Amino acid sequence: MEVYKIQNIAGHLAKGFLSNPLTPVLAIAILLLGFLSLEVMPREEDPQIEVSGGTIIVAIPGATPSEINNVLIKPLERRLREIKGIENIYGTAMNNMGMINVQYYIGEDRESSNLKLYDKVMQNLDQLPKGTMLPLVKPFDIDIDIPILTVAFYKLGDREIDNVKLYRMIRELQQSINALDNVAKTTLKGVKKPQFNVMIDLHKLVSYHISLSQVTKAIQSIATNTPQIDTITSKGKLIVFGVQNALDSVEDLEELIIAEHRGSLIYLGDIAKVEYSYDIQNYDTVSLTYQENMELEEHASEPVENNNTVLFTDAGDQITMTISKLKGTNAVIIAQSAIDEIAKSKEELLKSGMGFIVTRNYGERANEAVNELVHHLLITILIIALILVPFLGWRESLVVTIAVPMILAATLFIALMTDQTINRITLFAFLLSLGLIVDDAIIVIENIHRRLHLKESEEMEFDEIIIQATDEIGPATNIATIAIMLTMIPMGFVGGMMGQFMKPIPLNVPVALAISLFVAYVFAPYLARKFIKFESKTKQDKEVIPKEER
């Protein structure tokens, strides 16, 4: 019989691994690496999107919105248009201040964009009108500006709570959470911050012939920031706020000299009432509601049921803490560690009359999305196995069923090595590729199955049939798989938000298809040799004919 000459890499791979004792070791290693990758890979609900942009804040004390727009917003917008890569510029003018939001095209390098924005503003400082304060440039960082966890701290029942004490307690908790690994930023919303409040009596101000600007300048001389002035009250008082961390006591602030009247010094205490409290100019109030079927915290107060919702009464003292993570880190682990840290302060919060509830848990949602899609992957693999049984047989179907998890495991490991995260789009890419990656293993096992039933195969050894069957379909399978890979690669060049969002598809589907070829040529023949029963006539004849008669 003429010796068969292998002509394709498929046949060489099949021959090299068919009887190799390291083949099962390699298979187990791939499956273990895939399982570890699934557990170790950072989990997110959505993929990371590279968004560049920033905000420029410029103050001109005493300027009107019209003046801000003409002398500040429009000139700065013209200068910013000189920067390459800017998509949109939005300017906002208000009393004493102007703000310009800059948005770059999706995909622009964030570090480079921030540097260009800062440089352009600094280069044009000489063109700003006289009296303009130094501009503040704040780049937008989507990785840490979008929180993964929000927790609402609310007042229990009708208990009175010292807002200053509450702020300090929540502030300490914020510090401990910010010290956790991979926590990028924490913020407090709706908090009542402690400060000195100065409530000026306008009648006394007029009687002493003192202007409000004199009071403002005197307070500015000791304050860390410019005081904010509230509107005139119905009792003829005008309130000046914002004297934060300026003095140690109310008495020191009351002894602040404002002016001289008829040879006598006028102190702040003579014309105003000074107290140390919270920022009473903050009029925001919050109502906390959630669905009735949600699980209540153990420390929650008795709820009032109303229209299938649970409404906590007197929630005006609510404080919301937001927690953000670093780019490429595991949202599930970070969110849970933050919740555990807050739970440690549960008893102290209860004693102070405060409860807490998690209002948004990005990590939990990400974990549920990943687990659900993994569950669907397993169901899909089972369906593929059941479909192949009536056409090829259960042994051949078993070979394909084992090959599919190996392909997905190797793809997950490569995704981990390339600093990808596992999210809905990554797993969607796996689901999309699932119908494609089974083709190579099915083609190999189907051709082996076909060759076993040919008449000319009756005189051949099983190993030889497997190698020839694999080598035979190699060229066509290679071309078909590469053609499908090439159809996915152009998706990687799609721009804008959609291109960034769908990026895991062109990154993972071609890789999965390439791995499917390797698995089909290496492990499908090996598994076929182990599971499929075949005895050639040559072997049967050797068993029938006595040894001495051969």
Protein backbone atom coordinates (compact mmCIF):
# COMPACT_ATOMS: atom_id res chain seq x y z
CA MET A 1 0.00 0.00 0.00
CA GLU A 2 1.27 3.44 -0.87
CA VAL A 3 2.30 5.45 2.17
CA TYR A 4 0.06 8.51 2.67
CA LYS A 5 1.94 11.81 2.58
CA ILE A 6 0.58 14.56 4.87
CA GLN A 7 0.02 17.74 2.90
CA ASN A 8 -1.48 20.21 5.38
CA ILE A 9 -0.74 21.59 8.83
CA ALA A 10 -3.97 20.00 10.02
CA GLY A 11 -2.54 16.54 9.38
CA HIS A 12 0.78 17.40 11.03
CA LEU A 13 -0.95 18.66 14.17
CA ALA A 14 -3.19 15.61 14.32
CA LYS A 15 -0.23 13.26 13.93
CA GLY A 16 1.92 15.12 16.45
CA PHE A 17 -0.68 15.12 19.24
CA LEU A 18 -2.62 11.93 18.49
CA SER A 19 -0.48 9.60 20.60
CA ASN A 20 1.36 12.22 22.61
CA PRO A 21 1.01 11.70 26.40
CA LEU A 22 1.11 15.48 26.90
CA THR A 23 -2.11 16.03 24.94
CA PRO A 24 -4.49 15.33 27.86
CA VAL A 25 -2.26 17.38 30.15
CA LEU A 26 -2.49 20.33 27.74
CA ALA A 27 -6.27 19.93 27.54
CA ILE A 28 -6.68 19.96 31.32
CA ALA A 29 -4.34 22.95 31.60
CA ILE A 30 -6.41 24.93 29.07
CA LEU A 31 -9.65 24.18 30.92
CA LEU A 32 -8.12 25.18 34.27
CA LEU A 33 -6.70 28.40 32.83
CA GLY A 34 -10.12 29.24 31.41
CA PHE A 35 -11.84 28.61 34.73
CA LEU A 36 -9.29 30.71 36.61
CA SER A 37 -9.60 33.48 34.02
CA LEU A 38 -13.38 33.52 34.49
CA GLU A 39 -12.91 33.92 38.24
CA VAL A 40 -10.00 36.38 38.13
CA MET A 41 -10.99 38.67 35.24
CA PRO A 42 -12.42 42.03 36.33
CA ARG A 43 -16.20 42.00 35.96
CA GLU A 44 -18.14 44.97 34.66
CA GLU A 45 -21.63 45.41 33.33
CA ASP A 46 -20.49 47.39 30.28
CA PRO A 47 -17.10 47.72 28.56
CA GLN A 48 -14.79 50.66 29.17
CA ILE A 49 -15.26 53.55 26.75
CA GLU A 50 -12.51 56.08 26.12
CA VAL A 51 -14.18 59.47 26.49
CA SER A 52 -12.10 62.66 26.52
CA GLY A 53 -13.23 66.10 27.54
CA GLY A 54 -13.08 68.74 30.22
CA THR A 55 -14.59 71.82 31.78
CA ILE A 56 -13.08 75.30 31.97
CA ILE A 57 -14.41 77.51 34.78
CA VAL A 58 -13.50 81.20 34.78
CA ALA A 59 -14.77 83.78 37.29
CA ILE A 60 -15.14 87.53 36.76
CA PRO A 61 -16.59 89.01 39.99
CA GLY A 62 -19.39 91.47 39.32
CA ALA A 63 -19.87 90.60 35.63
CA THR A 64 -23.32 89.94 34.18
CA PRO A 65 -24.13 86.87 32.00
CA SER A 66 -24.14 89.08 28.89
CA GLU A 67 -20.70 90.45 29.70
CA ILE A 68 -19.37 86.97 30.50
CA ASN A 69 -20.65 85.69 27.16
CA ASN A 70 -19.08 88.51 25.11
CA VAL A 71 -15.70 88.97 26.77
CA LEU A 72 -15.05 85.42 27.99
CA ILE A 73 -17.12 82.59 26.47
CA LYS A 74 -16.94 83.53 22.79
CA PRO A 75 -13.20 84.41 22.70
CA LEU A 76 -12.28 81.21 24.55
CA GLU A 77 -14.45 79.09 22.25
CA ARG A 78 -12.60 80.51 19.21
CA ARG A 79 -9.25 79.63 20.75
CA LEU A 80 -10.33 76.14 21.74
CA ARG A 81 -11.46 75.41 18.18
CA GLU A 82 -7.78 75.53 17.24
CA ILE A 83 -7.28 72.20 19.04
CA LYS A 84 -7.49 69.16 16.78
CA GLY A 85 -9.91 66.43 17.81
CA ILE A 86 -12.59 68.54 19.53
CA GLU A 87 -16.11 67.52 18.54
CA ASN A 88 -18.33 69.89 20.55
CA ILE A 89 -17.94 72.98 22.71
CA TYR A 90 -20.73 74.18 25.02
CA GLY A 91 -20.50 77.55 26.76
CA THR A 92 -22.61 78.70 29.71
CA ALA A 93 -22.66 82.26 31.09
CA MET A 94 -24.00 83.20 34.52
CA ASN A 95 -23.51 85.91 37.10
CA ASN A 96 -19.84 86.31 38.04
CA MET A 97 -18.76 83.16 36.21
CA GLY A 98 -18.52 81.42 32.84
CA MET A 99 -18.17 77.70 32.11
CA ILE A 100 -17.12 75.95 28.89
CA ASN A 101 -17.54 72.21 28.39
CA VAL A 102 -15.29 70.58 25.78
CA GLN A 103 -16.00 67.16 24.24
CA TYR A 104 -13.42 65.35 22.13
CA TYR A 105 -14.17 62.69 19.55
CA ILE A 106 -14.64 59.23 21.03
CA GLY A 107 -11.35 57.36 21.02
CA GLU A 108 -9.07 60.38 21.39
CA ASP A 109 -6.24 59.78 23.85
CA ARG A 110 -7.40 61.19 27.17
CA GLU A 111 -3.99 62.21 28.56
CA SER A 112 -3.01 63.98 25.36
CA SER A 113 -6.41 65.70 25.12
CA ASN A 114 -6.24 66.97 28.70
CA LEU A 115 -2.74 68.34 28.14
CA LYS A 116 -3.75 70.15 24.94
CA LEU A 117 -6.79 71.67 26.63
CA TYR A 118 -4.75 72.95 29.58
CA ASP A 119 -2.00 74.32 27.35
CA LYS A 120 -4.44 76.20 25.13
CA VAL A 121 -6.10 77.92 28.10
CA MET A 122 -2.78 78.86 29.68
CA GLN A 123 -1.46 80.26 26.38
CA ASN A 124 -4.34 82.73 26.19
CA LEU A 125 -4.34 84.08 29.74
CA ASP A 126 -3.09 87.44 28.48
CA GLN A 127 -6.25 87.86 26.37
CA LEU A 128 -8.63 87.51 29.30
CA PRO A 129 -10.23 90.77 30.52
CA LYS A 130 -8.87 92.61 33.53
CA GLY A 131 -10.19 91.35 36.85
CA THR A 132 -10.55 87.76 35.61
CA MET A 133 -9.57 85.13 38.16
CA LEU A 134 -7.23 82.28 37.20
CA PRO A 135 -9.15 79.73 35.07
CA LEU A 136 -9.82 76.30 36.48
CA VAL A 137 -9.42 73.40 34.02
CA LYS A 138 -11.09 70.17 35.14
CA PRO A 139 -10.69 67.18 32.79
CA PHE A 140 -13.51 64.68 32.54
CA ASP A 141 -12.49 61.16 33.57
CA ILE A 142 -15.25 58.66 32.81
CA ASP A 143 -13.35 55.86 34.58
CA ILE A 144 -13.76 57.48 37.99
CA ASP A 145 -16.58 59.99 37.46
CA ILE A 146 -19.23 57.26 37.07
CA PRO A 147 -19.88 55.54 40.43
CA ILE A 148 -20.28 51.79 40.80
CA LEU A 149 -21.99 52.04 44.18
CA THR A 150 -24.32 54.58 45.78
CA VAL A 151 -25.44 54.31 49.40
CA ALA A 152 -28.15 56.49 50.96
CA PHE A 153 -27.88 57.36 54.66
CA TYR A 154 -31.25 58.48 56.01
CA LYS A 155 -32.81 59.57 59.28
CA LEU A 156 -34.77 56.96 61.22
CA GLY A 157 -38.24 58.09 62.21
CA ASP A 158 -38.59 61.55 63.82
CA ARG A 159 -35.32 61.53 65.73
CA GLU A 160 -33.40 64.80 65.88
CA ILE A 161 -29.89 64.62 64.43
CA ASP A 162 -27.06 67.09 64.75
CA ASN A 163 -26.10 67.78 61.13
CA VAL A 164 -22.52 68.71 62.00
CA LYS A 165 -22.03 65.51 63.99
CA LEU A 166 -23.66 63.51 61.18
CA TYR A 167 -21.35 65.08 58.60
CA ARG A 168 -18.24 64.24 60.60
CA MET A 169 -19.35 60.65 61.12
CA ILE A 170 -20.13 60.09 57.42
CA ARG A 171 -16.90 61.88 56.53
CA GLU A 172 -14.88 59.42 58.64
CA LEU A 173 -16.66 56.54 56.95
CA GLN A 174 -15.87 58.07 53.56
CA GLN A 175 -12.19 58.23 54.48
CA SER A 176 -12.07 54.54 55.41
CA ILE A 177 -13.82 53.53 52.16
CA ASN A 178 -11.51 55.71 50.09
CA ALA A 179 -8.56 53.79 51.57
CA LEU A 180 -9.81 50.46 50.16
CA ASP A 181 -7.91 48.87 47.29
CA ASN A 182 -8.84 50.09 43.79
CA VAL A 183 -11.35 52.67 45.07
CA ALA A 184 -10.73 55.76 42.94
CA LYS A 185 -13.04 58.42 44.34
CA THR A 186 -15.82 58.87 46.86
CA THR A 187 -18.21 61.81 47.03
CA LEU A 188 -21.00 62.95 49.35
CA LYS A 189 -24.21 64.38 47.90
CA GLY A 190 -26.78 66.32 49.92
CA VAL A 191 -24.48 66.68 52.91
CA LYS A 192 -24.90 69.56 55.34
CA LYS A 193 -21.35 70.87 55.73
CA PRO A 194 -20.31 72.65 58.95
CA GLN A 195 -19.48 76.33 58.72
CA PHE A 196 -19.88 79.70 60.46
CA ASN A 197 -23.13 81.41 59.51
CA VAL A 198 -23.25 85.21 59.67
CA MET A 199 -26.77 86.67 59.63
CA ILE A 200 -26.55 90.42 59.11
CA ASP A 201 -29.24 92.79 60.32
CA LEU A 202 -29.75 95.23 57.44
CA HIS A 203 -31.28 97.89 59.69
CA LYS A 204 -28.17 98.01 61.86
CA LEU A 205 -26.02 98.01 58.73
CA VAL A 206 -27.76 101.16 57.52
CA SER A 207 -27.68 102.87 60.92
CA TYR A 208 -23.92 102.50 61.16
CA HIS A 209 -23.49 103.65 57.52
CA ILE A 210 -21.65 100.42 56.62
CA SER A 211 -21.87 98.88 53.18
CA LEU A 212 -22.14 95.19 52.51
CA SER A 213 -18.85 95.26 50.59
CA GLN A 214 -17.06 96.40 53.77
CA VAL A 215 -18.42 93.37 55.61
CA THR A 216 -17.51 91.08 52.76
CA LYS A 217 -13.92 92.36 52.57
CA ALA A 218 -13.47 92.01 56.32
CA ILE A 219 -14.67 88.41 56.24
CA GLN A 220 -12.57 87.69 53.15
CA SER A 221 -9.47 88.73 55.04
CA ILE A 222 -9.82 85.73 57.36
CA ALA A 223 -11.92 83.27 55.32
CA THR A 224 -10.46 80.50 53.21
CA ASN A 225 -12.93 81.20 50.44
CA THR A 226 -15.13 84.01 49.20
CA PRO A 227 -18.36 84.23 51.25
CA GLN A 228 -21.64 83.50 49.54
CA ILE A 229 -24.42 86.06 50.00
CA ASP A 230 -28.01 84.89 50.26
CA THR A 231 -31.13 86.94 49.47
CA ILE A 232 -32.81 89.37 51.88
CA THR A 233 -35.16 87.65 54.30
CA SER A 234 -38.64 88.77 55.32
CA LYS A 235 -37.21 90.04 58.63
CA GLY A 236 -34.82 92.42 56.94
CA LYS A 237 -31.75 90.26 57.42
CA LEU A 238 -29.16 89.35 54.86
CA ILE A 239 -27.11 86.20 55.37
CA VAL A 240 -23.43 85.82 54.50
CA PHE A 241 -22.18 82.24 54.30
CA GLY A 242 -18.98 80.37 53.55
CA VAL A 243 -16.67 81.25 56.43
CA GLN A 244 -15.20 77.75 56.61
CA ASN A 245 -12.36 76.87 59.02
CA ALA A 246 -11.45 80.53 59.42
CA LEU A 247 -11.48 80.90 63.21
CA ASP A 248 -11.70 78.59 66.18
CA SER A 249 -14.84 79.99 67.79
CA VAL A 250 -17.92 82.13 67.27
CA GLU A 251 -16.55 84.69 69.76
CA ASP A 252 -13.45 85.27 67.63
CA LEU A 253 -15.57 85.92 64.57
CA GLU A 254 -17.89 88.26 66.47
CA GLU A 255 -14.86 90.36 67.47
CA LEU A 256 -13.89 90.91 63.84
CA ILE A 257 -13.54 94.67 63.22
CA ILE A 258 -15.72 95.84 60.35
CA ALA A 259 -15.45 99.65 60.40
CA GLU A 260 -15.23 102.76 62.57
CA HIS A 261 -18.30 104.88 63.35
CA ARG A 262 -18.02 108.21 65.21
CA GLY A 263 -14.75 107.25 66.81
CA SER A 264 -15.94 103.78 67.89
CA LEU A 265 -15.00 100.45 66.38
CA ILE A 266 -17.84 98.43 64.90
CA TYR A 267 -17.51 94.69 65.38
CA LEU A 268 -19.24 91.97 63.39
CA GLY A 269 -21.17 90.98 66.52
CA ASP A 270 -22.71 94.47 66.64
CA ILE A 271 -24.44 94.11 63.27
CA ALA A 272 -24.92 90.35 62.87
CA LYS A 273 -25.71 87.16 64.66
CA VAL A 274 -22.92 84.56 64.29
CA GLU A 275 -23.37 80.86 64.90
CA TYR A 276 -21.49 77.66 64.11
CA SER A 277 -23.83 75.30 62.30
CA TYR A 278 -24.24 73.76 58.87
CA ASP A 279 -24.63 75.40 55.45
CA ILE A 280 -28.21 76.59 55.91
CA GLN A 281 -28.21 78.10 52.43
CA ASN A 282 -28.50 74.54 51.15
CA TYR A 283 -32.26 74.13 50.63
CA ASP A 284 -32.11 70.74 48.92
CA THR A 285 -34.30 68.01 50.37
CA VAL A 286 -34.52 64.34 49.43
CA SER A 287 -37.27 61.73 49.62
CA LEU A 288 -36.22 58.11 49.79
CA THR A 289 -38.56 55.56 48.16
CA TYR A 290 -38.17 52.04 46.88
CA GLN A 291 -40.29 49.10 45.79
CA GLU A 292 -42.26 47.25 48.43
CA ASN A 293 -40.86 43.86 47.43
CA MET A 294 -37.28 45.00 48.03
CA GLU A 295 -35.64 43.54 51.09
CA LEU A 296 -35.52 46.01 53.98
CA GLU A 297 -32.33 46.47 55.95
CA GLU A 298 -32.42 45.21 59.53
CA HIS A 299 -31.88 48.74 60.81
CA ALA A 300 -34.59 50.37 58.67
CA SER A 301 -37.42 52.20 60.36
CA GLU A 302 -41.03 51.14 60.03
CA PRO A 303 -42.08 52.02 56.49
CA VAL A 304 -45.27 53.71 55.40
CA GLU A 305 -46.86 51.77 52.55
CA ASN A 306 -48.34 53.82 49.73
CA ASN A 307 -49.16 52.70 46.17
CA ASN A 308 -46.85 49.67 46.17
CA THR A 309 -43.89 51.75 47.37
CA VAL A 310 -42.29 52.19 50.75
CA LEU A 311 -41.81 55.81 51.76
CA PHE A 312 -39.60 56.77 54.68
CA THR A 313 -40.92 59.85 56.41
CA ASP A 314 -38.77 62.93 57.00
CA ALA A 315 -35.88 61.92 54.77
CA GLY A 316 -34.63 65.47 54.35
CA ASP A 317 -31.41 64.61 56.19
CA GLN A 318 -30.45 61.98 53.65
CA ILE A 319 -26.83 61.83 52.50
CA THR A 320 -25.82 59.87 49.41
CA MET A 321 -22.30 58.48 49.15
CA THR A 322 -20.97 57.56 45.70
CA ILE A 323 -18.01 55.22 45.19
CA SER A 324 -16.02 54.90 41.96
CA LYS A 325 -13.34 52.39 40.97
CA LEU A 326 -10.10 52.49 39.03
CA LYS A 327 -10.10 51.51 35.36
CA GLY A 328 -9.85 47.79 34.62
CA THR A 329 -10.60 46.63 38.18
CA ASN A 330 -13.30 44.26 39.41
CA ALA A 331 -16.53 46.12 40.17
CA VAL A 332 -17.96 43.11 42.02
CA ILE A 333 -15.13 42.87 44.57
CA ILE A 334 -14.81 46.63 45.11
CA ALA A 335 -18.54 47.16 45.63
CA GLN A 336 -18.76 44.30 48.11
CA SER A 337 -15.71 45.47 50.07
CA ALA A 338 -17.25 48.96 50.34
CA ILE A 339 -20.56 47.52 51.58
CA ASP A 340 -18.70 45.43 54.16
CA GLU A 341 -16.84 48.53 55.35
CA ILE A 342 -20.10 50.44 55.78
CA ALA A 343 -21.67 47.50 57.63
CA LYS A 344 -18.92 47.79 60.26
CA SER A 345 -20.38 51.20 61.23
CA LYS A 346 -23.94 49.92 61.39
CA GLU A 347 -24.22 50.02 65.20
CA GLU A 348 -22.74 53.50 65.40
CA LEU A 349 -25.15 54.75 62.74
CA LEU A 350 -28.11 53.25 64.58
CA LYS A 351 -27.12 54.96 67.80
CA SER A 352 -26.99 58.26 65.92
CA GLY A 353 -30.46 57.68 64.48
CA MET A 354 -29.32 56.88 60.93
CA GLY A 355 -29.94 53.92 58.66
CA PHE A 356 -28.50 53.13 55.25
CA ILE A 357 -29.55 51.35 52.10
CA VAL A 358 -27.72 50.53 48.88
CA THR A 359 -29.53 52.39 46.10
CA ARG A 360 -27.27 51.32 43.22
CA ASN A 361 -24.86 48.41 43.08
CA TYR A 362 -23.08 48.28 39.73
CA GLY A 363 -20.99 45.32 40.94
CA GLU A 364 -24.02 43.19 41.74
CA ARG A 365 -25.58 43.96 38.37
CA ALA A 366 -22.31 43.14 36.61
CA ASN A 367 -22.02 39.84 38.46
CA GLU A 368 -25.61 38.89 37.64
CA ALA A 369 -25.11 39.75 33.96
CA VAL A 370 -21.93 37.67 33.73
CA ASN A 371 -23.42 34.69 35.58
CA GLU A 372 -26.56 34.75 33.46
CA LEU A 373 -24.63 34.80 30.19
CA VAL A 374 -22.32 32.02 31.40
CA HIS A 375 -25.44 30.01 32.21
CA HIS A 376 -26.74 30.62 28.68
CA LEU A 377 -23.39 29.52 27.26
CA LEU A 378 -23.70 26.19 29.06
CA ILE A 379 -27.27 25.74 27.82
CA THR A 380 -26.16 26.50 24.26
CA ILE A 381 -23.34 23.93 24.46
CA LEU A 382 -25.83 21.32 25.69
CA ILE A 383 -28.23 22.12 22.84
CA ILE A 384 -25.42 21.70 20.30
CA ALA A 385 -24.57 18.32 21.78
CA LEU A 386 -28.19 17.13 21.61
CA ILE A 387 -28.53 18.28 18.00
CA LEU A 388 -25.43 16.33 16.91
CA VAL A 389 -26.47 13.05 18.53
CA PRO A 390 -29.02 11.89 15.88
CA PHE A 391 -26.71 12.89 13.00
CA LEU A 392 -23.29 11.66 14.16
CA GLY A 393 -23.91 9.55 17.26
CA TRP A 394 -23.40 10.24 20.93
CA ARG A 395 -19.67 9.47 20.88
CA GLU A 396 -18.97 11.96 18.11
CA SER A 397 -21.26 14.49 19.79
CA LEU A 398 -19.28 14.08 23.01
CA VAL A 399 -16.07 14.99 21.19
CA VAL A 400 -17.55 18.28 19.95
CA THR A 401 -19.10 19.03 23.35
CA ILE A 402 -15.70 18.75 25.04
CA ALA A 403 -13.96 20.81 22.35
CA VAL A 404 -16.24 23.85 22.74
CA PRO A 405 -15.41 24.63 26.42
CA MET A 406 -11.72 24.27 25.59
CA ILE A 407 -12.03 26.92 22.86
CA LEU A 408 -13.87 29.30 25.16
CA ALA A 409 -11.39 28.66 27.99
CA ALA A 410 -8.39 29.49 25.81
CA THR A 411 -10.14 32.63 24.49
CA LEU A 412 -10.89 33.80 28.04
CA PHE A 413 -7.26 33.31 29.05
CA ILE A 414 -6.01 35.38 26.10
CA ALA A 415 -8.56 38.09 26.96
CA LEU A 416 -7.18 38.16 30.50
CA MET A 417 -3.61 38.44 29.23
CA THR A 418 -4.58 41.40 27.02
CA ASP A 419 -6.08 43.35 29.98
CA GLN A 420 -9.70 42.96 28.93
CA THR A 421 -12.61 42.87 31.35
CA ILE A 422 -15.46 40.41 31.27
CA ASN A 423 -18.74 42.20 30.61
CA ARG A 424 -21.98 41.84 28.69
CA ILE A 425 -20.39 42.60 25.32
CA THR A 426 -17.46 40.21 25.92
CA LEU A 427 -19.84 37.37 26.71
CA PHE A 428 -22.06 38.38 23.79
CA ALA A 429 -18.98 37.95 21.60
CA PHE A 430 -18.60 34.43 22.98
CA LEU A 431 -22.26 33.66 22.30
CA LEU A 432 -21.89 35.06 18.79
CA SER A 433 -18.79 32.97 18.12
CA LEU A 434 -20.30 29.81 19.63
CA GLY A 435 -22.14 28.95 16.42
CA LEU A 436 -18.93 29.49 14.47
CA ILE A 437 -16.34 27.77 16.64
CA VAL A 438 -18.19 24.44 16.66
CA ASP A 439 -17.94 24.20 12.87
CA ASP A 440 -14.26 23.23 12.77
CA ALA A 441 -14.60 20.44 15.34
CA ILE A 442 -17.80 19.20 13.66
CA ILE A 443 -16.10 19.14 10.25
CA VAL A 444 -13.13 17.15 11.59
CA ILE A 445 -15.21 14.64 13.54
CA GLU A 446 -17.73 14.29 10.69
CA ASN A 447 -14.97 13.52 8.19
CA ILE A 448 -13.45 10.97 10.58
CA HIS A 449 -16.91 9.43 10.97
CA ARG A 450 -17.35 9.33 7.19
CA ARG A 451 -13.93 7.79 6.54
CA LEU A 452 -14.56 5.03 9.06
CA HIS A 453 -17.48 3.80 6.95
CA LEU A 454 -15.65 3.78 3.63
CA LYS A 455 -14.70 0.42 2.15
CA GLU A 456 -11.05 1.39 1.56
CA SER A 457 -10.72 2.21 5.27
CA GLU A 458 -11.36 -1.39 6.26
CA GLU A 459 -7.72 -2.31 5.62
CA MET A 460 -6.31 0.78 7.43
CA GLU A 461 -5.29 1.41 11.03
CA PHE A 462 -7.55 3.69 13.07
CA ASP A 463 -4.77 6.22 13.72
CA GLU A 464 -4.02 6.43 10.01
CA ILE A 465 -7.68 7.06 9.19
CA ILE A 466 -7.88 9.86 11.75
CA ILE A 467 -4.74 11.58 10.44
CA GLN A 468 -5.83 11.33 6.82
CA ALA A 469 -9.37 12.50 7.57
CA THR A 470 -8.05 15.53 9.46
CA ASP A 471 -5.48 16.37 6.79
CA GLU A 472 -8.06 15.99 4.04
CA ILE A 473 -10.33 18.78 5.27
CA GLY A 474 -7.50 21.08 6.38
CA PRO A 475 -7.26 23.46 3.35
CA ALA A 476 -11.00 24.05 3.02
CA THR A 477 -11.49 24.46 6.77
CA ASN A 478 -8.58 26.91 7.03
CA ILE A 479 -9.90 29.11 4.23
CA ALA A 480 -13.47 29.09 5.53
CA THR A 481 -12.39 29.98 9.08
CA ILE A 482 -10.01 32.74 7.96
CA ALA A 483 -12.77 34.22 5.77
CA ILE A 484 -15.09 34.45 8.77
CA MET A 485 -12.30 36.01 10.87
CA LEU A 486 -11.74 38.67 8.22
CA THR A 487 -15.43 39.63 8.28
CA MET A 488 -15.14 40.43 12.02
CA ILE A 489 -11.89 42.42 11.95
CA PRO A 490 -13.32 45.54 10.16
CA MET A 491 -15.63 46.05 13.14
CA GLY A 492 -12.55 47.05 15.10
CA PHE A 493 -12.16 50.16 12.92
CA VAL A 494 -15.66 51.50 13.61
CA GLY A 495 -15.40 54.91 15.29
CA GLY A 496 -17.52 56.78 17.76
CA MET A 497 -19.37 55.51 20.80
CA MET A 498 -20.62 52.37 19.02
CA GLY A 499 -17.11 51.35 17.98
CA GLN A 500 -15.84 51.66 21.55
CA PHE A 501 -18.84 49.82 22.98
CA MET A 502 -18.65 46.90 20.53
CA LYS A 503 -14.85 46.61 20.63
CA PRO A 504 -14.82 43.25 22.50
CA ILE A 505 -16.44 41.57 19.46
CA PRO A 506 -13.57 42.13 16.96
CA LEU A 507 -11.09 41.46 19.77
CA ASN A 508 -12.49 38.09 20.82
CA VAL A 509 -14.40 36.49 17.93
CA PRO A 510 -11.37 36.19 15.56
CA VAL A 511 -9.28 34.85 18.45
CA ALA A 512 -11.94 32.24 19.26
CA LEU A 513 -12.07 31.17 15.61
CA ALA A 514 -8.28 30.80 15.42
CA ILE A 515 -8.28 28.72 18.60
CA SER A 516 -11.12 26.58 17.22
CA LEU A 517 -8.84 25.54 14.37
CA PHE A 518 -6.11 24.50 16.80
CA VAL A 519 -8.53 22.58 19.01
CA ALA A 520 -10.14 20.88 15.99
CA TYR A 521 -6.78 19.68 14.63
CA VAL A 522 -5.22 18.72 17.98
CA PHE A 523 -7.88 17.60 20.44
CA ALA A 524 -10.75 16.45 18.19
CA PRO A 525 -8.59 13.66 16.63
CA TYR A 526 -7.27 12.70 20.07
CA LEU A 527 -10.77 12.53 21.58
CA ALA A 528 -12.05 10.61 18.54
CA ARG A 529 -9.32 8.03 19.10
CA LYS A 530 -10.39 7.65 22.74
CA PHE A 531 -14.18 7.59 22.37
CA ILE A 532 -14.98 6.14 18.93
CA LYS A 533 -14.88 2.38 18.57
CA PHE A 534 -13.28 0.99 15.40
CA GLU A 535 -11.54 -2.23 14.45
CA SER A 536 -9.94 -2.63 11.06
CA LYS A 537 -10.14 -5.92 9.10
CA THR A 538 -6.38 -6.20 9.25
CA LYS A 539 -6.48 -6.33 13.00
CA GLN A 540 -9.38 -8.78 12.96
CA ASP A 541 -7.51 -11.07 10.56
CA LYS A 542 -4.48 -11.03 12.81
CA GLU A 543 -6.66 -12.11 15.71
CA VAL A 544 -8.37 -14.91 13.72
CA ILE A 545 -5.33 -16.45 11.99
CA PRO A 546 -3.18 -18.50 14.36
CA LYS A 547 0.32 -17.16 14.90
CA GLU A 548 2.05 -20.25 13.47
CA GLU A 549 0.03 -20.02 10.22
CA ARG A 550 0.85 -16.39 9.49
